[in-house]
Amino acid sequence: MNQYFNFSVARKELNLSQEEMAEEIGISRVTIGNTERGKNLSHQYLNHLEKKGYSKEWLLGESDVKKTLNNDFTKNDKEFIILELREENKELKKENKSLRQELYDLKDKFMAFQGFVMLHAHKFKQDELQSLSNSLGKDKTLLEHGFVAVKKNGYKSSNVLFEN
């Protein structure tokens, strides 16, 4: 394989014959053939394929990176991608709004439970409170089952758990 083999690969990916490519660029078919066989390098051919999105390094056999980032997509592709990203952004904003509302609801529930605990903490036996409080540190599944930990009066020993 010659060092300019990728020129013919790119041309074939564009579904063009040597003649069609030569006509598109404004050079002879012989120049296209000579470049593809590695006899000489046509800078016009190279520049034309770069404009089509192929990397110069790949065309010259110096890299495995075929496409450049700036020219990978046609104008229609770019417009489609922009529309898709805008739609996805709208969906994410809706989801974010929903999650934010869920967070506010949970915060309100927590505040209500905290108030309940402060009003009714005297009804629980201290050893039951301590046992539940200790369980929270050992078993995270209590949180998954809807239990909430609350500090009363800023003392760790008076943590309590309530079921939602």
Protein backbone atom coordinates (compact mmCIF):
# COMPACT_ATOMS: atom_id res chain seq x y z
CA MET A 1 0.00 0.00 0.00
CA ASN A 2 1.38 3.43 -0.92
CA GLN A 3 1.43 6.40 1.41
CA TYR A 4 -1.43 8.15 -0.41
CA PHE A 5 -3.79 5.18 -0.45
CA ASN A 6 -6.30 7.06 1.69
CA PHE A 7 -6.99 9.51 -1.14
CA SER A 8 -8.70 6.77 -3.12
CA VAL A 9 -10.52 5.53 0.01
CA ALA A 10 -11.90 9.03 0.62
CA ARG A 11 -12.90 9.45 -3.03
CA LYS A 12 -14.71 6.10 -3.00
CA GLU A 13 -16.49 6.99 0.26
CA LEU A 14 -17.77 10.09 -1.53
CA ASN A 15 -19.05 7.81 -4.32
CA LEU A 16 -17.04 9.61 -6.99
CA SER A 17 -15.02 8.22 -9.87
CA GLN A 18 -11.59 9.65 -10.62
CA GLU A 19 -13.14 11.58 -13.49
CA GLU A 20 -15.93 13.02 -11.33
CA MET A 21 -13.46 14.01 -8.63
CA ALA A 22 -11.16 15.65 -11.19
CA GLU A 23 -14.07 17.59 -12.65
CA GLU A 24 -15.25 18.67 -9.19
CA ILE A 25 -11.78 19.98 -8.29
CA GLY A 26 -10.82 21.31 -11.70
CA ILE A 27 -7.76 19.13 -12.31
CA SER A 28 -7.08 16.21 -14.66
CA ARG A 29 -8.05 12.60 -14.01
CA VAL A 30 -4.39 11.69 -14.50
CA THR A 31 -3.45 13.98 -11.57
CA ILE A 32 -6.04 12.21 -9.41
CA GLY A 33 -4.67 8.81 -10.42
CA ASN A 34 -1.05 9.83 -9.90
CA THR A 35 -1.84 11.15 -6.41
CA GLU A 36 -3.75 8.00 -5.46
CA ARG A 37 -0.87 5.81 -6.68
CA GLY A 38 1.68 7.90 -4.76
CA LYS A 39 3.52 9.22 -7.81
CA ASN A 40 3.02 12.85 -6.81
CA LEU A 41 0.91 14.89 -4.42
CA SER A 42 -1.78 17.20 -5.73
CA HIS A 43 -2.27 19.96 -3.17
CA GLN A 44 -5.56 20.86 -4.87
CA TYR A 45 -6.80 17.28 -4.31
CA LEU A 46 -5.56 17.36 -0.72
CA ASN A 47 -7.23 20.71 0.02
CA HIS A 48 -10.48 19.59 -1.60
CA LEU A 49 -10.68 16.45 0.55
CA GLU A 50 -9.81 18.48 3.65
CA LYS A 51 -12.80 20.73 2.88
CA LYS A 52 -14.91 17.55 2.71
CA GLY A 53 -13.88 16.79 6.29
CA TYR A 54 -10.97 14.37 5.87
CA SER A 55 -7.90 15.03 7.99
CA LYS A 56 -4.72 15.91 6.13
CA GLU A 57 -2.71 13.54 8.33
CA TRP A 58 -5.01 10.61 7.53
CA LEU A 59 -4.96 11.34 3.80
CA LEU A 60 -1.16 11.35 3.88
CA GLY A 61 -1.03 8.11 5.90
CA GLU A 62 0.37 9.82 8.99
CA SER A 63 -2.62 9.25 11.30
CA ASP A 64 -5.52 6.89 11.95
CA VAL A 65 -7.91 9.80 12.54
CA LYS A 66 -9.95 9.99 9.35
CA LYS A 67 -12.24 12.96 9.89
CA THR A 68 -11.66 16.42 11.26
CA LEU A 69 -13.98 17.66 14.00
CA ASN A 70 -14.99 20.85 12.20
CA ASN A 71 -16.19 19.25 8.98
CA ASP A 72 -17.62 15.90 10.00
CA PHE A 73 -21.18 16.96 9.32
CA THR A 74 -23.06 18.60 6.49
CA LYS A 75 -25.12 21.71 7.11
CA ASN A 76 -28.28 19.57 7.30
CA ASP A 77 -26.58 17.22 9.78
CA LYS A 78 -25.55 20.15 11.96
CA GLU A 79 -29.07 21.62 11.87
CA PHE A 80 -30.55 18.23 12.79
CA ILE A 81 -28.09 17.82 15.67
CA ILE A 82 -28.87 21.32 16.93
CA LEU A 83 -32.61 20.56 16.87
CA GLU A 84 -32.05 17.27 18.69
CA LEU A 85 -29.90 18.96 21.33
CA ARG A 86 -32.49 21.70 21.84
CA GLU A 87 -35.21 19.08 22.29
CA GLU A 88 -33.04 17.12 24.73
CA ASN A 89 -32.29 20.35 26.60
CA LYS A 90 -36.04 21.02 26.96
CA GLU A 91 -36.60 17.52 28.33
CA LEU A 92 -33.73 17.92 30.79
CA LYS A 93 -35.14 21.25 31.97
CA LYS A 94 -38.52 19.61 32.57
CA GLU A 95 -36.86 16.75 34.44
CA ASN A 96 -34.79 19.22 36.46
CA LYS A 97 -37.91 21.20 37.35
CA SER A 98 -39.65 18.00 38.40
CA LEU A 99 -36.71 16.88 40.53
CA ARG A 100 -36.42 20.32 42.09
CA GLN A 101 -40.13 20.19 43.03
CA GLU A 102 -39.63 16.71 44.47
CA LEU A 103 -36.73 18.02 46.55
CA TYR A 104 -38.84 20.90 47.86
CA ASP A 105 -41.65 18.47 48.73
CA LEU A 106 -39.21 16.24 50.62
CA LYS A 107 -37.81 19.25 52.43
CA ASP A 108 -41.35 20.26 53.48
CA LYS A 109 -42.05 16.72 54.72
CA PHE A 110 -38.81 16.72 56.66
CA MET A 111 -39.63 20.05 58.27
CA ALA A 112 -43.07 18.70 59.25
CA PHE A 113 -41.56 15.54 60.74
CA GLN A 114 -38.96 17.55 62.57
CA GLY A 115 -41.72 19.66 64.09
CA PHE A 116 -43.65 16.52 65.01
CA VAL A 117 -40.57 15.03 66.67
CA MET A 118 -39.96 18.15 68.70
CA LEU A 119 -43.57 18.17 69.89
CA HIS A 120 -43.82 14.45 70.67
CA ALA A 121 -40.31 13.34 71.56
CA HIS A 122 -41.20 13.12 75.24
CA LYS A 123 -43.60 10.21 74.45
CA PHE A 124 -40.75 7.89 73.39
CA LYS A 125 -38.56 6.01 75.78
CA GLN A 126 -34.99 7.22 75.67
CA ASP A 127 -33.62 3.70 75.06
CA GLU A 128 -35.96 3.26 72.02
CA LEU A 129 -34.75 6.54 70.59
CA GLN A 130 -31.12 5.61 71.14
CA SER A 131 -31.65 2.15 69.61
CA LEU A 132 -33.27 3.62 66.49
CA SER A 133 -30.60 6.29 66.26
CA ASN A 134 -27.81 3.70 66.46
CA SER A 135 -29.53 1.57 63.81
CA LEU A 136 -29.37 4.42 61.35
CA GLY A 137 -25.59 4.40 61.40
CA LYS A 138 -25.41 0.64 60.91
CA ASP A 139 -28.25 0.05 58.46
CA LYS A 140 -28.63 2.52 55.60
CA THR A 141 -31.71 0.63 54.41
CA LEU A 142 -33.74 2.43 57.06
CA LEU A 143 -33.43 5.52 54.89
CA GLU A 144 -34.57 3.54 51.87
CA HIS A 145 -37.70 2.45 53.75
CA GLY A 146 -38.79 6.00 54.43
CA PHE A 147 -37.26 6.70 57.82
CA VAL A 148 -35.96 10.17 58.54
CA ALA A 149 -33.25 11.07 61.06
CA VAL A 150 -33.78 14.22 63.08
CA LYS A 151 -31.49 15.93 65.59
CA LYS A 152 -33.30 17.41 68.53
CA ASN A 153 -31.76 20.29 70.42
CA GLY A 154 -28.46 19.75 68.57
CA TYR A 155 -27.53 16.66 70.65
CA LYS A 156 -26.51 13.51 68.84
CA SER A 157 -27.85 11.29 71.57
CA SER A 158 -31.38 12.43 70.95
CA ASN A 159 -31.62 11.51 67.26
CA VAL A 160 -34.96 9.98 66.41
CA LEU A 161 -36.41 8.19 63.42
CA PHE A 162 -39.91 8.50 62.06
CA GLU A 163 -41.61 6.54 59.35
CA ASN A 164 -43.17 8.50 56.48
